[in-house]
Amino acid sequence: ARREAEDRFTALVRNSSDVILICGGAGQLRFATSSAERVFGLPPSALAGRNIAELVVTEDRGRLKAALGGELRQRGASATLELRVPRGGERMRVIEVVATNLEDEPAVAGCVLNVRD
């Protein structure tokens, strides 16, 4: 039953249209679902180790860093942000980010960002 639940969870995450990211306290990305490429234009492997702030327009970086360094430092805290993502020749994308501090969850040990385009 446990294996079946893990397989179901993996399939759901892999096929979700929303992006799920996990970052450390300083914003360093440690995990990204495959749907991240559709939003950020980079495969998950290219996102690992980058700072989440690098992926949004310069004008929105301050708000993102303030949330990560402020209200989201408290374990269990959540915040919702609207940010803009530059996409080269395409028009700018506006994303909604629901961030939750899950540092107390051993399997996550960071901040989970649920991103919707």
PDB file of N, CA and C in Angstrom:
ATOM      1  N   ALA A   1       0.829  -1.194   0.000  1.00  0.00           N
ATOM      2  CA  ALA A   1       0.000   0.000   0.000  1.00  0.00           C
ATOM      3  C   ALA A   1       0.876   1.262   0.000  1.00  0.00           C
ATOM      4  N   ARG A   2       1.981   1.202   0.747  1.00  0.00           N
ATOM      5  CA  ARG A   2       2.864   2.363   0.812  1.00  0.00           C
ATOM      6  C   ARG A   2       3.494   2.641  -0.549  1.00  0.00           C
ATOM      7  N   ARG A   3       3.929   1.589  -1.226  1.00  0.00           N
ATOM      8  CA  ARG A   3       4.537   1.742  -2.552  1.00  0.00           C
ATOM      9  C   ARG A   3       3.524   2.321  -3.544  1.00  0.00           C
ATOM     10  N   GLU A   4       2.286   1.852  -3.456  1.00  0.00           N
ATOM     11  CA  GLU A   4       1.229   2.356  -4.333  1.00  0.00           C
ATOM     12  C   GLU A   4       0.990   3.840  -4.089  1.00  0.00           C
ATOM     13  N   ALA A   5       0.984   4.249  -2.820  1.00  0.00           N
ATOM     14  CA  ALA A   5       0.788   5.660  -2.479  1.00  0.00           C
ATOM     15  C   ALA A   5       1.954   6.503  -2.996  1.00  0.00           C
ATOM     16  N   GLU A   6       3.181   5.991  -2.876  1.00  0.00           N
ATOM     17  CA  GLU A   6       4.344   6.723  -3.377  1.00  0.00           C
ATOM     18  C   GLU A   6       4.300   6.862  -4.895  1.00  0.00           C
ATOM     19  N   ASP A   7       3.908   5.773  -5.589  1.00  0.00           N
ATOM     20  CA  ASP A   7       3.794   5.816  -7.048  1.00  0.00           C
ATOM     21  C   ASP A   7       2.725   6.810  -7.486  1.00  0.00           C
ATOM     22  N   ARG A   8       1.597   6.848  -6.770  1.00  0.00           N
ATOM     23  CA  ARG A   8       0.517   7.785  -7.082  1.00  0.00           C
ATOM     24  C   ARG A   8       1.005   9.213  -6.907  1.00  0.00           C
ATOM     25  N   PHE A   9       1.679   9.480  -5.793  1.00  0.00           N
ATOM     26  CA  PHE A   9       2.195  10.825  -5.525  1.00  0.00           C
ATOM     27  C   PHE A   9       3.189  11.247  -6.612  1.00  0.00           C
ATOM     28  N   THR A  10       4.090  10.356  -6.983  1.00  0.00           N
ATOM     29  CA  THR A  10       5.079  10.660  -8.011  1.00  0.00           C
ATOM     30  C   THR A  10       4.406  10.993  -9.334  1.00  0.00           C
ATOM     31  N   ALA A  11       3.406  10.207  -9.718  1.00  0.00           N
ATOM     32  CA  ALA A  11       2.690  10.455 -10.972  1.00  0.00           C
ATOM     33  C   ALA A  11       1.950  11.786 -10.935  1.00  0.00           C
ATOM     34  N   LEU A  12       1.345  12.108  -9.800  1.00  0.00           N
ATOM     35  CA  LEU A  12       0.627  13.381  -9.676  1.00  0.00           C
ATOM     36  C   LEU A  12       1.572  14.568  -9.793  1.00  0.00           C
ATOM     37  N   VAL A  13       2.699  14.507  -9.112  1.00  0.00           N
ATOM     38  CA  VAL A  13       3.662  15.604  -9.154  1.00  0.00           C
ATOM     39  C   VAL A  13       4.244  15.735 -10.557  1.00  0.00           C
ATOM     40  N   ARG A  14       4.595  14.621 -11.173  1.00  0.00           N
ATOM     41  CA  ARG A  14       5.203  14.635 -12.504  1.00  0.00           C
ATOM     42  C   ARG A  14       4.254  15.206 -13.554  1.00  0.00           C
ATOM     43  N   ASN A  15       2.955  15.024 -13.379  1.00  0.00           N
ATOM     44  CA  ASN A  15       1.980  15.457 -14.386  1.00  0.00           C
ATOM     45  C   ASN A  15       1.190  16.692 -14.000  1.00  0.00           C
ATOM     46  N   SER A  16       1.559  17.341 -12.927  1.00  0.00           N
ATOM     47  CA  SER A  16       0.859  18.544 -12.497  1.00  0.00           C
ATOM     48  C   SER A  16       1.161  19.704 -13.434  1.00  0.00           C
ATOM     49  N   SER A  17       0.155  20.518 -13.712  1.00  0.00           N
ATOM     50  CA  SER A  17       0.399  21.706 -14.521  1.00  0.00           C
ATOM     51  C   SER A  17       1.032  22.814 -13.681  1.00  0.00           C
ATOM     52  N   ASP A  18       0.845  22.752 -12.377  1.00  0.00           N
ATOM     53  CA  ASP A  18       1.498  23.701 -11.491  1.00  0.00           C
ATOM     54  C   ASP A  18       2.951  23.274 -11.278  1.00  0.00           C
ATOM     55  N   VAL A  19       3.783  24.242 -10.953  1.00  0.00           N
ATOM     56  CA  VAL A  19       5.193  23.980 -10.695  1.00  0.00           C
ATOM     57  C   VAL A  19       5.371  23.861  -9.183  1.00  0.00           C
ATOM     58  N   ILE A  20       6.152  22.893  -8.772  1.00  0.00           N
ATOM     59  CA  ILE A  20       6.512  22.765  -7.366  1.00  0.00           C
ATOM     60  C   ILE A  20       8.021  22.910  -7.278  1.00  0.00           C
ATOM     61  N   LEU A  21       8.444  23.861  -6.441  1.00  0.00           N
ATOM     62  CA  LEU A  21       9.865  24.107  -6.213  1.00  0.00           C
ATOM     63  C   LEU A  21      10.150  23.957  -4.729  1.00  0.00           C
ATOM     64  N   ILE A  22      11.354  23.525  -4.404  1.00  0.00           N
ATOM     65  CA  ILE A  22      11.813  23.533  -3.015  1.00  0.00           C
ATOM     66  C   ILE A  22      13.092  24.334  -2.985  1.00  0.00           C
ATOM     67  N   CYS A  23      13.146  25.300  -2.071  1.00  0.00           N
ATOM     68  CA  CYS A  23      14.355  26.099  -1.945  1.00  0.00           C
ATOM     69  C   CYS A  23      14.783  26.183  -0.487  1.00  0.00           C
ATOM     70  N   GLY A  24      16.073  26.437  -0.291  1.00  0.00           N
ATOM     71  CA  GLY A  24      16.617  26.643   1.036  1.00  0.00           C
ATOM     72  C   GLY A  24      16.287  28.046   1.509  1.00  0.00           C
ATOM     73  N   GLY A  25      16.681  28.344   2.712  1.00  0.00           N
ATOM     74  CA  GLY A  25      16.364  29.626   3.329  1.00  0.00           C
ATOM     75  C   GLY A  25      16.850  30.839   2.563  1.00  0.00           C
ATOM     76  N   ALA A  26      17.961  30.706   1.855  1.00  0.00           N
ATOM     77  CA  ALA A  26      18.503  31.827   1.088  1.00  0.00           C
ATOM     78  C   ALA A  26      17.941  31.880  -0.326  1.00  0.00           C
ATOM     79  N   GLY A  27      17.010  30.962  -0.648  1.00  0.00           N
ATOM     80  CA  GLY A  27      16.386  30.969  -1.953  1.00  0.00           C
ATOM     81  C   GLY A  27      17.034  30.048  -2.970  1.00  0.00           C
ATOM     82  N   GLN A  28      18.027  29.236  -2.552  1.00  0.00           N
ATOM     83  CA  GLN A  28      18.688  28.310  -3.467  1.00  0.00           C
ATOM     84  C   GLN A  28      17.752  27.152  -3.805  1.00  0.00           C
ATOM     85  N   LEU A  29      17.504  26.943  -5.086  1.00  0.00           N
ATOM     86  CA  LEU A  29      16.602  25.879  -5.522  1.00  0.00           C
ATOM     87  C   LEU A  29      17.260  24.516  -5.395  1.00  0.00           C
ATOM     88  N   ARG A  30      16.501  23.587  -4.789  1.00  0.00           N
ATOM     89  CA  ARG A  30      16.991  22.217  -4.612  1.00  0.00           C
ATOM     90  C   ARG A  30      16.152  21.205  -5.373  1.00  0.00           C
ATOM     91  N   PHE A  31      14.940  21.578  -5.776  1.00  0.00           N
ATOM     92  CA  PHE A  31      14.051  20.660  -6.475  1.00  0.00           C
ATOM     93  C   PHE A  31      13.098  21.464  -7.347  1.00  0.00           C
ATOM     94  N   ALA A  32      12.809  20.933  -8.524  1.00  0.00           N
ATOM     95  CA  ALA A  32      11.820  21.549  -9.418  1.00  0.00           C
ATOM     96  C   ALA A  32      11.130  20.442 -10.196  1.00  0.00           C
ATOM     97  N   THR A  33       9.821  20.537 -10.318  1.00  0.00           N
ATOM     98  CA  THR A  33       9.082  19.569 -11.122  1.00  0.00           C
ATOM     99  C   THR A  33       9.324  19.862 -12.606  1.00  0.00           C
ATOM    100  N   SER A  34       9.013  18.891 -13.443  1.00  0.00           N
ATOM    101  CA  SER A  34       9.255  19.045 -14.881  1.00  0.00           C
ATOM    102  C   SER A  34       8.449  20.194 -15.490  1.00  0.00           C
ATOM    103  N   SER A  35       7.332  20.560 -14.872  1.00  0.00           N
ATOM    104  CA  SER A  35       6.520  21.660 -15.381  1.00  0.00           C
ATOM    105  C   SER A  35       7.229  23.016 -15.249  1.00  0.00           C
ATOM    106  N   ALA A  36       8.334  23.059 -14.526  1.00  0.00           N
ATOM    107  CA  ALA A  36       9.096  24.307 -14.373  1.00  0.00           C
ATOM    108  C   ALA A  36       9.619  24.809 -15.709  1.00  0.00           C
ATOM    109  N   GLU A  37       9.930  23.897 -16.612  1.00  0.00           N
ATOM    110  CA  GLU A  37      10.465  24.316 -17.909  1.00  0.00           C
ATOM    111  C   GLU A  37       9.458  25.146 -18.690  1.00  0.00           C
ATOM    112  N   ARG A  38       8.176  24.810 -18.583  1.00  0.00           N
ATOM    113  CA  ARG A  38       7.131  25.554 -19.293  1.00  0.00           C
ATOM    114  C   ARG A  38       7.047  27.000 -18.792  1.00  0.00           C
ATOM    115  N   VAL A  39       7.246  27.202 -17.506  1.00  0.00           N
ATOM    116  CA  VAL A  39       7.119  28.536 -16.916  1.00  0.00           C
ATOM    117  C   VAL A  39       8.421  29.329 -16.995  1.00  0.00           C
ATOM    118  N   PHE A  40       9.539  28.684 -16.652  1.00  0.00           N
ATOM    119  CA  PHE A  40      10.804  29.410 -16.551  1.00  0.00           C
ATOM    120  C   PHE A  40      11.705  29.259 -17.773  1.00  0.00           C
ATOM    121  N   GLY A  41      11.348  28.345 -18.686  1.00  0.00           N
ATOM    122  CA  GLY A  41      12.148  28.168 -19.888  1.00  0.00           C
ATOM    123  C   GLY A  41      13.433  27.396 -19.676  1.00  0.00           C
ATOM    124  N   LEU A  42      13.574  26.759 -18.522  1.00  0.00           N
ATOM    125  CA  LEU A  42      14.767  25.972 -18.215  1.00  0.00           C
ATOM    126  C   LEU A  42      14.346  24.628 -17.638  1.00  0.00           C
ATOM    127  N   PRO A  43      15.071  23.554 -17.982  1.00  0.00           N
ATOM    128  CA  PRO A  43      14.735  22.257 -17.403  1.00  0.00           C
ATOM    129  C   PRO A  43      15.073  22.233 -15.912  1.00  0.00           C
ATOM    130  N   PRO A  44      14.426  21.370 -15.156  1.00  0.00           N
ATOM    131  CA  PRO A  44      14.688  21.302 -13.712  1.00  0.00           C
ATOM    132  C   PRO A  44      16.172  21.157 -13.369  1.00  0.00           C
ATOM    133  N   SER A  45      16.911  20.414 -14.168  1.00  0.00           N
ATOM    134  CA  SER A  45      18.341  20.226 -13.887  1.00  0.00           C
ATOM    135  C   SER A  45      19.118  21.543 -13.960  1.00  0.00           C
ATOM    136  N   ALA A  46      18.675  22.466 -14.806  1.00  0.00           N
ATOM    137  CA  ALA A  46      19.339  23.770 -14.935  1.00  0.00           C
ATOM    138  C   ALA A  46      18.926  24.735 -13.828  1.00  0.00           C
ATOM    139  N   LEU A  47      17.852  24.424 -13.129  1.00  0.00           N
ATOM    140  CA  LEU A  47      17.393  25.288 -12.038  1.00  0.00           C
ATOM    141  C   LEU A  47      18.071  24.954 -10.712  1.00  0.00           C
ATOM    142  N   ALA A  48      18.494  23.708 -10.557  1.00  0.00           N
ATOM    143  CA  ALA A  48      19.111  23.273  -9.299  1.00  0.00           C
ATOM    144  C   ALA A  48      20.324  24.134  -8.974  1.00  0.00           C
ATOM    145  N   GLY A  49      20.354  24.659  -7.761  1.00  0.00           N
ATOM    146  CA  GLY A  49      21.459  25.491  -7.300  1.00  0.00           C
ATOM    147  C   GLY A  49      21.310  26.974  -7.591  1.00  0.00           C
ATOM    148  N   ARG A  50      20.402  27.323  -8.486  1.00  0.00           N
ATOM    149  CA  ARG A  50      20.171  28.740  -8.780  1.00  0.00           C
ATOM    150  C   ARG A  50      19.325  29.360  -7.678  1.00  0.00           C
ATOM    151  N   ASN A  51      19.399  30.665  -7.559  1.00  0.00           N
ATOM    152  CA  ASN A  51      18.563  31.369  -6.603  1.00  0.00           C
ATOM    153  C   ASN A  51      17.241  31.707  -7.277  1.00  0.00           C
ATOM    154  N   ILE A  52      16.140  31.457  -6.586  1.00  0.00           N
ATOM    155  CA  ILE A  52      14.807  31.706  -7.139  1.00  0.00           C
ATOM    156  C   ILE A  52      14.662  33.156  -7.600  1.00  0.00           C
ATOM    157  N   ALA A  53      15.322  34.083  -6.928  1.00  0.00           N
ATOM    158  CA  ALA A  53      15.204  35.501  -7.289  1.00  0.00           C
ATOM    159  C   ALA A  53      15.745  35.779  -8.690  1.00  0.00           C
ATOM    160  N   GLU A  54      16.691  34.964  -9.176  1.00  0.00           N
ATOM    161  CA  GLU A  54      17.247  35.149 -10.516  1.00  0.00           C
ATOM    162  C   GLU A  54      16.213  34.911 -11.611  1.00  0.00           C
ATOM    163  N   LEU A  55      15.138  34.219 -11.272  1.00  0.00           N
ATOM    164  CA  LEU A  55      14.162  33.811 -12.277  1.00  0.00           C
ATOM    165  C   LEU A  55      13.039  34.812 -12.485  1.00  0.00           C
ATOM    166  N   VAL A  56      12.972  35.831 -11.634  1.00  0.00           N
ATOM    167  CA  VAL A  56      11.906  36.831 -11.760  1.00  0.00           C
ATOM    168  C   VAL A  56      12.507  38.164 -12.190  1.00  0.00           C
ATOM    169  N   VAL A  57      11.662  39.060 -12.678  1.00  0.00           N
ATOM    170  CA  VAL A  57      12.163  40.361 -13.129  1.00  0.00           C
ATOM    171  C   VAL A  57      12.799  41.115 -11.959  1.00  0.00           C
ATOM    172  N   THR A  58      13.765  41.918 -12.283  1.00  0.00           N
ATOM    173  CA  THR A  58      14.531  42.650 -11.278  1.00  0.00           C
ATOM    174  C   THR A  58      13.631  43.413 -10.310  1.00  0.00           C
ATOM    175  N   GLU A  59      12.573  44.040 -10.820  1.00  0.00           N
ATOM    176  CA  GLU A  59      11.685  44.850  -9.977  1.00  0.00           C
ATOM    177  C   GLU A  59      10.926  44.024  -8.937  1.00  0.00           C
ATOM    178  N   ASP A  60      10.781  42.710  -9.151  1.00  0.00           N
ATOM    179  CA  ASP A  60      10.044  41.862  -8.202  1.00  0.00           C
ATOM    180  C   ASP A  60      10.949  41.135  -7.212  1.00  0.00           C
ATOM    181  N   ARG A  61      12.241  41.197  -7.416  1.00  0.00           N
ATOM    182  CA  ARG A  61      13.177  40.447  -6.574  1.00  0.00           C
ATOM    183  C   ARG A  61      13.145  40.891  -5.119  1.00  0.00           C
ATOM    184  N   GLY A  62      12.993  42.177  -4.894  1.00  0.00           N
ATOM    185  CA  GLY A  62      12.970  42.695  -3.521  1.00  0.00           C
ATOM    186  C   GLY A  62      11.816  42.119  -2.718  1.00  0.00           C
ATOM    187  N   ARG A  63      10.632  42.061  -3.331  1.00  0.00           N
ATOM    188  CA  ARG A  63       9.462  41.495  -2.628  1.00  0.00           C
ATOM    189  C   ARG A  63       9.660  40.015  -2.322  1.00  0.00           C
ATOM    190  N   LEU A  64      10.232  39.294  -3.279  1.00  0.00           N
ATOM    191  CA  LEU A  64      10.469  37.871  -3.080  1.00  0.00           C
ATOM    192  C   LEU A  64      11.484  37.637  -1.961  1.00  0.00           C
ATOM    193  N   LYS A  65      12.595  38.365  -2.013  1.00  0.00           N
ATOM    194  CA  LYS A  65      13.625  38.223  -0.981  1.00  0.00           C
ATOM    195  C   LYS A  65      13.098  38.641   0.388  1.00  0.00           C
ATOM    196  N   ALA A  66      12.265  39.688   0.429  1.00  0.00           N
ATOM    197  CA  ALA A  66      11.686  40.131   1.701  1.00  0.00           C
ATOM    198  C   ALA A  66      10.785  39.047   2.292  1.00  0.00           C
ATOM    199  N   ALA A  67      10.004  38.387   1.458  1.00  0.00           N
ATOM    200  CA  ALA A  67       9.127  37.315   1.946  1.00  0.00           C
ATOM    201  C   ALA A  67       9.952  36.140   2.455  1.00  0.00           C
ATOM    202  N   LEU A  68      10.967  35.727   1.685  1.00  0.00           N
ATOM    203  CA  LEU A  68      11.796  34.594   2.099  1.00  0.00           C
ATOM    204  C   LEU A  68      12.594  34.904   3.356  1.00  0.00           C
ATOM    205  N   GLY A  69      13.050  36.134   3.477  1.00  0.00           N
ATOM    206  CA  GLY A  69      13.853  36.518   4.635  1.00  0.00           C
ATOM    207  C   GLY A  69      13.043  37.041   5.801  1.00  0.00           C
ATOM    208  N   GLY A  70      11.737  37.233   5.608  1.00  0.00           N
ATOM    209  CA  GLY A  70      10.883  37.785   6.659  1.00  0.00           C
ATOM    210  C   GLY A  70       9.855  36.793   7.135  1.00  0.00           C
ATOM    211  N   GLU A  71       8.623  36.971   6.668  1.00  0.00           N
ATOM    212  CA  GLU A  71       7.508  36.164   7.153  1.00  0.00           C
ATOM    213  C   GLU A  71       7.701  34.669   6.949  1.00  0.00           C
ATOM    214  N   LEU A  72       8.411  34.271   5.908  1.00  0.00           N
ATOM    215  CA  LEU A  72       8.588  32.841   5.631  1.00  0.00           C
ATOM    216  C   LEU A  72       9.720  32.204   6.435  1.00  0.00           C
ATOM    217  N   ARG A  73      10.387  32.955   7.242  1.00  0.00           N
ATOM    218  CA  ARG A  73      11.425  32.378   8.110  1.00  0.00           C
ATOM    219  C   ARG A  73      10.796  31.601   9.253  1.00  0.00           C
ATOM    220  N   GLN A  74       9.563  31.939   9.581  1.00  0.00           N
ATOM    221  CA  GLN A  74       8.871  31.239  10.669  1.00  0.00           C
ATOM    222  C   GLN A  74       8.369  29.896  10.155  1.00  0.00           C
ATOM    223  N   ARG A  75       8.677  28.838  10.854  1.00  0.00           N
ATOM    224  CA  ARG A  75       8.278  27.490  10.447  1.00  0.00           C
ATOM    225  C   ARG A  75       6.757  27.388  10.340  1.00  0.00           C
ATOM    226  N   GLY A  76       6.291  26.847   9.220  1.00  0.00           N
ATOM    227  CA  GLY A  76       4.859  26.696   8.985  1.00  0.00           C
ATOM    228  C   GLY A  76       4.194  27.909   8.352  1.00  0.00           C
ATOM    229  N   ALA A  77       4.915  29.010   8.246  1.00  0.00           N
ATOM    230  CA  ALA A  77       4.336  30.236   7.679  1.00  0.00           C
ATOM    231  C   ALA A  77       4.102  30.083   6.175  1.00  0.00           C
ATOM    232  N   SER A  78       3.110  30.806   5.676  1.00  0.00           N
ATOM    233  CA  SER A  78       2.799  30.820   4.244  1.00  0.00           C
ATOM    234  C   SER A  78       2.657  32.253   3.760  1.00  0.00           C
ATOM    235  N   ALA A  79       2.916  32.442   2.485  1.00  0.00           N
ATOM    236  CA  ALA A  79       2.746  33.751   1.860  1.00  0.00           C
ATOM    237  C   ALA A  79       2.369  33.539   0.401  1.00  0.00           C
ATOM    238  N   THR A  80       1.589  34.459  -0.136  1.00  0.00           N
ATOM    239  CA  THR A  80       1.208  34.417  -1.548  1.00  0.00           C
ATOM    240  C   THR A  80       1.744  35.666  -2.226  1.00  0.00           C
ATOM    241  N   LEU A  81       2.400  35.468  -3.370  1.00  0.00           N
ATOM    242  CA  LEU A  81       3.000  36.566  -4.111  1.00  0.00           C
ATOM    243  C   LEU A  81       2.630  36.461  -5.583  1.00  0.00           C
ATOM    244  N   GLU A  82       2.496  37.588  -6.236  1.00  0.00           N
ATOM    245  CA  GLU A  82       2.413  37.628  -7.692  1.00  0.00           C
ATOM    246  C   GLU A  82       3.734  38.180  -8.179  1.00  0.00           C
ATOM    247  N   LEU A  83       4.383  37.439  -9.076  1.00  0.00           N
ATOM    248  CA  LEU A  83       5.683  37.833  -9.595  1.00  0.00           C
ATOM    249  C   LEU A  83       5.673  37.743 -11.109  1.00  0.00           C
ATOM    250  N   ARG A  84       6.598  38.463 -11.725  1.00  0.00           N
ATOM    251  CA  ARG A  84       6.703  38.427 -13.183  1.00  0.00           C
ATOM    252  C   ARG A  84       7.974  37.681 -13.590  1.00  0.00           C
ATOM    253  N   VAL A  85       7.832  36.858 -14.614  1.00  0.00           N
ATOM    254  CA  VAL A  85       8.939  36.057 -15.124  1.00  0.00           C
ATOM    255  C   VAL A  85       9.220  36.487 -16.557  1.00  0.00           C
ATOM    256  N   PRO A  86      10.452  36.937 -16.844  1.00  0.00           N
ATOM    257  CA  PRO A  86      10.784  37.310 -18.226  1.00  0.00           C
ATOM    258  C   PRO A  86      10.930  36.050 -19.070  1.00  0.00           C
ATOM    259  N   ARG A  87      10.487  36.113 -20.317  1.00  0.00           N
ATOM    260  CA  ARG A  87      10.562  34.935 -21.192  1.00  0.00           C
ATOM    261  C   ARG A  87      11.149  35.291 -22.550  1.00  0.00           C
ATOM    262  N   GLY A  88      12.266  36.002 -22.564  1.00  0.00           N
ATOM    263  CA  GLY A  88      12.943  36.322 -23.816  1.00  0.00           C
ATOM    264  C   GLY A  88      12.029  37.041 -24.791  1.00  0.00           C
ATOM    265  N   GLY A  89      11.860  36.477 -25.994  1.00  0.00           N
ATOM    266  CA  GLY A  89      11.046  37.083 -27.026  1.00  0.00           C
ATOM    267  C   GLY A  89       9.552  36.983 -26.755  1.00  0.00           C
ATOM    268  N   GLU A  90       9.170  36.079 -25.834  1.00  0.00           N
ATOM    269  CA  GLU A  90       7.751  35.956 -25.489  1.00  0.00           C
ATOM    270  C   GLU A  90       7.353  37.112 -24.575  1.00  0.00           C
ATOM    271  N   ARG A  91       6.068  37.267 -24.404  1.00  0.00           N
ATOM    272  CA  ARG A  91       5.648  38.304 -23.461  1.00  0.00           C
ATOM    273  C   ARG A  91       5.902  37.819 -22.040  1.00  0.00           C
ATOM    274  N   MET A  92       5.945  38.733 -21.119  1.00  0.00           N
ATOM    275  CA  MET A  92       6.208  38.437 -19.717  1.00  0.00           C
ATOM    276  C   MET A  92       5.079  37.579 -19.134  1.00  0.00           C
ATOM    277  N   ARG A  93       5.448  36.633 -18.306  1.00  0.00           N
ATOM    278  CA  ARG A  93       4.452  35.811 -17.613  1.00  0.00           C
ATOM    279  C   ARG A  93       4.268  36.333 -16.202  1.00  0.00           C
ATOM    280  N   VAL A  94       3.030  36.343 -15.755  1.00  0.00           N
ATOM    281  CA  VAL A  94       2.727  36.677 -14.368  1.00  0.00           C
ATOM    282  C   VAL A  94       2.403  35.354 -13.681  1.00  0.00           C
ATOM    283  N   ILE A  95       3.101  35.086 -12.583  1.00  0.00           N
ATOM    284  CA  ILE A  95       2.883  33.843 -11.854  1.00  0.00           C
ATOM    285  C   ILE A  95       2.394  34.138 -10.447  1.00  0.00           C
ATOM    286  N   GLU A  96       1.615  33.217  -9.934  1.00  0.00           N
ATOM    287  CA  GLU A  96       1.206  33.275  -8.532  1.00  0.00           C
ATOM    288  C   GLU A  96       2.036  32.237  -7.789  1.00  0.00           C
ATOM    289  N   VAL A  97       2.644  32.648  -6.700  1.00  0.00           N
ATOM    290  CA  VAL A  97       3.477  31.763  -5.898  1.00  0.00           C
ATOM    291  C   VAL A  97       2.873  31.670  -4.504  1.00  0.00           C
ATOM    292  N   VAL A  98       2.562  30.453  -4.091  1.00  0.00           N
ATOM    293  CA  VAL A  98       2.144  30.199  -2.719  1.00  0.00           C
ATOM    294  C   VAL A  98       3.319  29.489  -2.064  1.00  0.00           C
ATOM    295  N   ALA A  99       3.973  30.170  -1.147  1.00  0.00           N
ATOM    296  CA  ALA A  99       5.173  29.648  -0.495  1.00  0.00           C
ATOM    297  C   ALA A  99       4.849  29.231   0.928  1.00  0.00           C
ATOM    298  N   THR A 100       5.370  28.081   1.332  1.00  0.00           N
ATOM    299  CA  THR A 100       5.141  27.567   2.680  1.00  0.00           C
ATOM    300  C   THR A 100       6.454  27.061   3.249  1.00  0.00           C
ATOM    301  N   ASN A 101       6.764  27.477   4.450  1.00  0.00           N
ATOM    302  CA  ASN A 101       7.968  27.022   5.129  1.00  0.00           C
ATOM    303  C   ASN A 101       7.712  25.630   5.705  1.00  0.00           C
ATOM    304  N   LEU A 102       8.393  24.646   5.138  1.00  0.00           N
ATOM    305  CA  LEU A 102       8.281  23.263   5.617  1.00  0.00           C
ATOM    306  C   LEU A 102       9.642  22.741   6.083  1.00  0.00           C
ATOM    307  N   GLU A 103      10.389  23.611   6.738  1.00  0.00           N
ATOM    308  CA  GLU A 103      11.701  23.209   7.248  1.00  0.00           C
ATOM    309  C   GLU A 103      11.603  22.089   8.276  1.00  0.00           C
ATOM    310  N   ASP A 104      10.482  21.981   8.970  1.00  0.00           N
ATOM    311  CA  ASP A 104      10.307  20.936   9.976  1.00  0.00           C
ATOM    312  C   ASP A 104       9.963  19.580   9.376  1.00  0.00           C
ATOM    313  N   GLU A 105       9.642  19.543   8.084  1.00  0.00           N
ATOM    314  CA  GLU A 105       9.339  18.278   7.415  1.00  0.00           C
ATOM    315  C   GLU A 105      10.657  17.696   6.899  1.00  0.00           C
ATOM    316  N   PRO A 106      11.122  16.586   7.467  1.00  0.00           N
ATOM    317  CA  PRO A 106      12.425  16.039   7.063  1.00  0.00           C
ATOM    318  C   PRO A 106      12.561  15.764   5.567  1.00  0.00           C
ATOM    319  N   ALA A 107      11.497  15.341   4.907  1.00  0.00           N
ATOM    320  CA  ALA A 107      11.578  15.034   3.478  1.00  0.00           C
ATOM    321  C   ALA A 107      11.686  16.290   2.620  1.00  0.00           C
ATOM    322  N   VAL A 108      11.369  17.448   3.196  1.00  0.00           N
ATOM    323  CA  VAL A 108      11.396  18.711   2.442  1.00  0.00           C
ATOM    324  C   VAL A 108      12.541  19.593   2.937  1.00  0.00           C
ATOM    325  N   ALA A 109      12.555  19.873   4.224  1.00  0.00           N
ATOM    326  CA  ALA A 109      13.600  20.677   4.868  1.00  0.00           C
ATOM    327  C   ALA A 109      13.881  21.982   4.109  1.00  0.00           C
ATOM    328  N   GLY A 110      12.810  22.697   3.780  1.00  0.00           N
ATOM    329  CA  GLY A 110      12.971  23.960   3.075  1.00  0.00           C
ATOM    330  C   GLY A 110      11.638  24.626   2.849  1.00  0.00           C
ATOM    331  N   CYS A 111      11.621  25.546   1.944  1.00  0.00           N
ATOM    332  CA  CYS A 111      10.418  26.279   1.595  1.00  0.00           C
ATOM    333  C   CYS A 111       9.844  25.709   0.302  1.00  0.00           C
ATOM    334  N   VAL A 112       8.572  25.352   0.310  1.00  0.00           N
ATOM    335  CA  VAL A 112       7.925  24.829  -0.889  1.00  0.00           C
ATOM    336  C   VAL A 112       7.206  25.970  -1.586  1.00  0.00           C
ATOM    337  N   LEU A 113       7.463  26.107  -2.878  1.00  0.00           N
ATOM    338  CA  LEU A 113       6.825  27.137  -3.680  1.00  0.00           C
ATOM    339  C   LEU A 113       5.919  26.450  -4.691  1.00  0.00           C
ATOM    340  N   ASN A 114       4.636  26.676  -4.577  1.00  0.00           N
ATOM    341  CA  ASN A 114       3.665  26.187  -5.554  1.00  0.00           C
ATOM    342  C   ASN A 114       3.424  27.342  -6.520  1.00  0.00           C
ATOM    343  N   VAL A 115       3.764  27.139  -7.780  1.00  0.00           N
ATOM    344  CA  VAL A 115       3.733  28.199  -8.783  1.00  0.00           C
ATOM    345  C   VAL A 115       2.665  27.879  -9.817  1.00  0.00           C
ATOM    346  N   ARG A 116       1.830  28.869 -10.071  1.00  0.00           N
ATOM    347  CA  ARG A 116       0.795  28.731 -11.086  1.00  0.00           C
ATOM    348  C   ARG A 116       0.954  29.871 -12.083  1.00  0.00           C
ATOM    349  N   ASP A 117       0.959  29.504 -13.362  1.00  0.00           N
ATOM    350  CA  ASP A 117       1.088  30.485 -14.433  1.00  0.00           C
ATOM    351  C   ASP A 117      -0.250  31.152 -14.653  1.00  0.00           C
TER     352      ASP A 117
END
